[in-house]
């Protein structure tokens, strides 16, 4: 599993409290394997079309970054009406600054494969 975080930031104190994930849900196919968290051999027996969930972004470092993740999608982390994300509205540049190129490439690949995305706060 990948841990997404801002690089070069010292975290702690008042910054702790809220963690967040963005989860992708869709149908498995071999074409999405490059965008998934585990090595390809883990998916060799997975059938095309089976329902599948994947953590795409995972912020464990605190409230500031978790709120920033929500802002990358234009949502309030505690407004449950907004937790199904509009993947096309994602601010990709801002996401890249927050989580890095590899994670954003996975997001784009899953988005292109028709996956749906959900914001999941924990705090």
C-alpha atoms as a PDB file:
ATOM      1  CA  UNK A   1       0.000   0.000   0.000  1.00  0.00           C
ATOM      2  CA  UNK A   2       1.297   3.511  -0.805  1.00  0.00           C
ATOM      3  CA  UNK A   3       1.346   6.272   1.769  1.00  0.00           C
ATOM      4  CA  UNK A   4       0.663   9.657   0.202  1.00  0.00           C
ATOM      5  CA  UNK A   5       2.081  12.706   1.953  1.00  0.00           C
ATOM      6  CA  UNK A   6       3.571  16.137   1.352  1.00  0.00           C
ATOM      7  CA  UNK A   7       7.304  15.907   1.054  1.00  0.00           C
ATOM      8  CA  UNK A   8       9.500  18.225   3.036  1.00  0.00           C
ATOM      9  CA  UNK A   9       6.836  19.198   5.572  1.00  0.00           C
ATOM     10  CA  UNK A  10       7.286  18.722   9.303  1.00  0.00           C
ATOM     11  CA  UNK A  11       4.031  17.444  10.757  1.00  0.00           C
ATOM     12  CA  UNK A  12       2.637  17.196  14.254  1.00  0.00           C
ATOM     13  CA  UNK A  13       0.941  19.115  17.038  1.00  0.00           C
ATOM     14  CA  UNK A  14      -2.222  20.876  15.901  1.00  0.00           C
ATOM     15  CA  UNK A  15      -1.797  19.268  12.476  1.00  0.00           C
ATOM     16  CA  UNK A  16      -2.839  15.838  13.759  1.00  0.00           C
ATOM     17  CA  UNK A  17      -6.401  14.620  13.936  1.00  0.00           C
ATOM     18  CA  UNK A  18      -7.967  13.955  10.546  1.00  0.00           C
ATOM     19  CA  UNK A  19      -6.811  11.195   8.244  1.00  0.00           C
ATOM     20  CA  UNK A  20      -8.308  10.652   4.805  1.00  0.00           C
ATOM     21  CA  UNK A  21      -8.416   8.261   1.897  1.00  0.00           C
ATOM     22  CA  UNK A  22      -9.676   8.380  -1.630  1.00  0.00           C
ATOM     23  CA  UNK A  23     -10.998   4.972  -2.614  1.00  0.00           C
ATOM     24  CA  UNK A  24     -11.616   3.870  -6.205  1.00  0.00           C
ATOM     25  CA  UNK A  25     -14.417   1.399  -6.956  1.00  0.00           C
ATOM     26  CA  UNK A  26     -14.920  -0.259 -10.317  1.00  0.00           C
ATOM     27  CA  UNK A  27     -14.634  -3.432 -12.325  1.00  0.00           C
ATOM     28  CA  UNK A  28     -11.318  -5.221 -12.472  1.00  0.00           C
ATOM     29  CA  UNK A  29      -9.548  -5.776 -15.776  1.00  0.00           C
ATOM     30  CA  UNK A  30      -5.958  -6.599 -16.625  1.00  0.00           C
ATOM     31  CA  UNK A  31      -5.571  -3.098 -18.120  1.00  0.00           C
ATOM     32  CA  UNK A  32      -5.827  -1.523 -14.635  1.00  0.00           C
ATOM     33  CA  UNK A  33      -3.107  -3.706 -13.056  1.00  0.00           C
ATOM     34  CA  UNK A  34      -0.356  -1.094 -13.640  1.00  0.00           C
ATOM     35  CA  UNK A  35      -2.367   1.369 -11.521  1.00  0.00           C
ATOM     36  CA  UNK A  36      -2.913  -0.919  -8.530  1.00  0.00           C
ATOM     37  CA  UNK A  37      -1.000  -1.157  -5.266  1.00  0.00           C
ATOM     38  CA  UNK A  38       0.305  -4.715  -5.478  1.00  0.00           C
ATOM     39  CA  UNK A  39       2.671  -6.427  -7.943  1.00  0.00           C
ATOM     40  CA  UNK A  40       1.021  -7.847 -11.094  1.00  0.00           C
ATOM     41  CA  UNK A  41       1.371 -11.477  -9.955  1.00  0.00           C
ATOM     42  CA  UNK A  42      -1.089 -10.796  -7.116  1.00  0.00           C
ATOM     43  CA  UNK A  43      -3.823 -10.249  -9.705  1.00  0.00           C
ATOM     44  CA  UNK A  44      -3.112 -13.228 -12.003  1.00  0.00           C
ATOM     45  CA  UNK A  45      -6.211 -15.141 -10.825  1.00  0.00           C
ATOM     46  CA  UNK A  46      -8.507 -12.106 -10.641  1.00  0.00           C
ATOM     47  CA  UNK A  47     -11.318 -12.311 -13.193  1.00  0.00           C
ATOM     48  CA  UNK A  48     -12.152  -9.442 -15.492  1.00  0.00           C
ATOM     49  CA  UNK A  49     -15.380  -7.723 -14.503  1.00  0.00           C
ATOM     50  CA  UNK A  50     -15.252  -8.549 -10.794  1.00  0.00           C
ATOM     51  CA  UNK A  51     -16.115  -5.613  -8.494  1.00  0.00           C
ATOM     52  CA  UNK A  52     -12.962  -4.101  -7.074  1.00  0.00           C
ATOM     53  CA  UNK A  53     -11.924  -1.412  -4.566  1.00  0.00           C
ATOM     54  CA  UNK A  54      -8.521   0.243  -4.333  1.00  0.00           C
ATOM     55  CA  UNK A  55      -7.090   2.915  -2.042  1.00  0.00           C
ATOM     56  CA  UNK A  56      -5.682   5.548  -4.379  1.00  0.00           C
ATOM     57  CA  UNK A  57      -4.669   8.283  -1.932  1.00  0.00           C
ATOM     58  CA  UNK A  58      -4.050   7.800   1.777  1.00  0.00           C
ATOM     59  CA  UNK A  59      -3.170  10.696   4.054  1.00  0.00           C
ATOM     60  CA  UNK A  60      -2.133   9.564   7.526  1.00  0.00           C
ATOM     61  CA  UNK A  61      -0.147  12.629   8.449  1.00  0.00           C
ATOM     62  CA  UNK A  62      -2.817  14.975   9.746  1.00  0.00           C
ATOM     63  CA  UNK A  63      -5.660  17.377   9.302  1.00  0.00           C
ATOM     64  CA  UNK A  64      -3.949  19.940   7.089  1.00  0.00           C
ATOM     65  CA  UNK A  65      -3.044  17.456   4.360  1.00  0.00           C
ATOM     66  CA  UNK A  66      -6.364  15.613   4.659  1.00  0.00           C
ATOM     67  CA  UNK A  67      -8.255  18.864   4.148  1.00  0.00           C
ATOM     68  CA  UNK A  68      -5.954  19.681   1.234  1.00  0.00           C
ATOM     69  CA  UNK A  69      -6.804  16.301  -0.327  1.00  0.00           C
ATOM     70  CA  UNK A  70     -10.507  17.138  -0.071  1.00  0.00           C
ATOM     71  CA  UNK A  71      -9.844  20.584  -1.558  1.00  0.00           C
ATOM     72  CA  UNK A  72      -8.127  18.976  -4.570  1.00  0.00           C
ATOM     73  CA  UNK A  73     -11.594  17.635  -5.428  1.00  0.00           C
ATOM     74  CA  UNK A  74     -13.491  20.751  -4.335  1.00  0.00           C
ATOM     75  CA  UNK A  75     -15.222  19.048  -1.402  1.00  0.00           C
ATOM     76  CA  UNK A  76     -15.602  19.614   2.330  1.00  0.00           C
ATOM     77  CA  UNK A  77     -14.161  16.602   4.205  1.00  0.00           C
ATOM     78  CA  UNK A  78     -17.171  16.477   6.554  1.00  0.00           C
ATOM     79  CA  UNK A  79     -19.949  17.031   4.014  1.00  0.00           C
ATOM     80  CA  UNK A  80     -21.011  13.454   3.362  1.00  0.00           C
ATOM     81  CA  UNK A  81     -23.160  14.604   0.433  1.00  0.00           C
ATOM     82  CA  UNK A  82     -19.940  15.317  -1.450  1.00  0.00           C
ATOM     83  CA  UNK A  83     -18.040  12.103  -0.734  1.00  0.00           C
ATOM     84  CA  UNK A  84     -18.653  10.582  -4.140  1.00  0.00           C
ATOM     85  CA  UNK A  85     -16.074  12.608  -6.008  1.00  0.00           C
ATOM     86  CA  UNK A  86     -16.250  14.111  -9.475  1.00  0.00           C
ATOM     87  CA  UNK A  87     -12.998  12.646 -10.787  1.00  0.00           C
ATOM     88  CA  UNK A  88     -13.018  14.940 -13.819  1.00  0.00           C
ATOM     89  CA  UNK A  89     -13.017  17.986 -11.517  1.00  0.00           C
ATOM     90  CA  UNK A  90      -9.825  16.958  -9.722  1.00  0.00           C
ATOM     91  CA  UNK A  91      -7.096  19.574  -9.634  1.00  0.00           C
ATOM     92  CA  UNK A  92      -4.303  17.349 -10.964  1.00  0.00           C
ATOM     93  CA  UNK A  93      -1.528  19.878 -10.432  1.00  0.00           C
ATOM     94  CA  UNK A  94      -2.514  20.383  -6.808  1.00  0.00           C
ATOM     95  CA  UNK A  95      -2.869  16.612  -6.306  1.00  0.00           C
ATOM     96  CA  UNK A  96       0.602  16.051  -7.732  1.00  0.00           C
ATOM     97  CA  UNK A  97       2.079  18.554  -5.289  1.00  0.00           C
ATOM     98  CA  UNK A  98       0.313  16.800  -2.424  1.00  0.00           C
ATOM     99  CA  UNK A  99       0.827  13.118  -3.228  1.00  0.00           C
ATOM    100  CA  UNK A 100       3.305  12.815  -6.098  1.00  0.00           C
ATOM    101  CA  UNK A 101       3.387  11.778  -9.744  1.00  0.00           C
ATOM    102  CA  UNK A 102       3.005   8.006  -9.275  1.00  0.00           C
ATOM    103  CA  UNK A 103      -0.185   8.274  -7.249  1.00  0.00           C
ATOM    104  CA  UNK A 104      -1.724  10.782  -9.648  1.00  0.00           C
ATOM    105  CA  UNK A 105      -0.832   8.556 -12.625  1.00  0.00           C
ATOM    106  CA  UNK A 106      -2.664   5.677 -10.899  1.00  0.00           C
ATOM    107  CA  UNK A 107      -5.665   7.920 -10.287  1.00  0.00           C
ATOM    108  CA  UNK A 108      -5.747   8.974 -13.953  1.00  0.00           C
ATOM    109  CA  UNK A 109      -5.455   5.366 -15.118  1.00  0.00           C
ATOM    110  CA  UNK A 110      -8.314   4.203 -12.896  1.00  0.00           C
ATOM    111  CA  UNK A 111     -10.391   7.234 -13.865  1.00  0.00           C
ATOM    112  CA  UNK A 112      -9.863   6.391 -17.546  1.00  0.00           C
ATOM    113  CA  UNK A 113     -11.011   2.819 -16.824  1.00  0.00           C
ATOM    114  CA  UNK A 114     -14.322   4.150 -15.471  1.00  0.00           C
ATOM    115  CA  UNK A 115     -13.694   3.739 -11.751  1.00  0.00           C
ATOM    116  CA  UNK A 116     -15.714   5.860  -9.315  1.00  0.00           C
ATOM    117  CA  UNK A 117     -13.960   7.662  -6.444  1.00  0.00           C
ATOM    118  CA  UNK A 118     -14.994   8.293  -2.867  1.00  0.00           C
ATOM    119  CA  UNK A 119     -13.529  10.485  -0.135  1.00  0.00           C
ATOM    120  CA  UNK A 120     -13.282   8.721   3.216  1.00  0.00           C
ATOM    121  CA  UNK A 121     -12.402  10.850   6.273  1.00  0.00           C
ATOM    122  CA  UNK A 122     -11.230   9.281   9.507  1.00  0.00           C
ATOM    123  CA  UNK A 123     -10.899  11.504  12.514  1.00  0.00           C
END
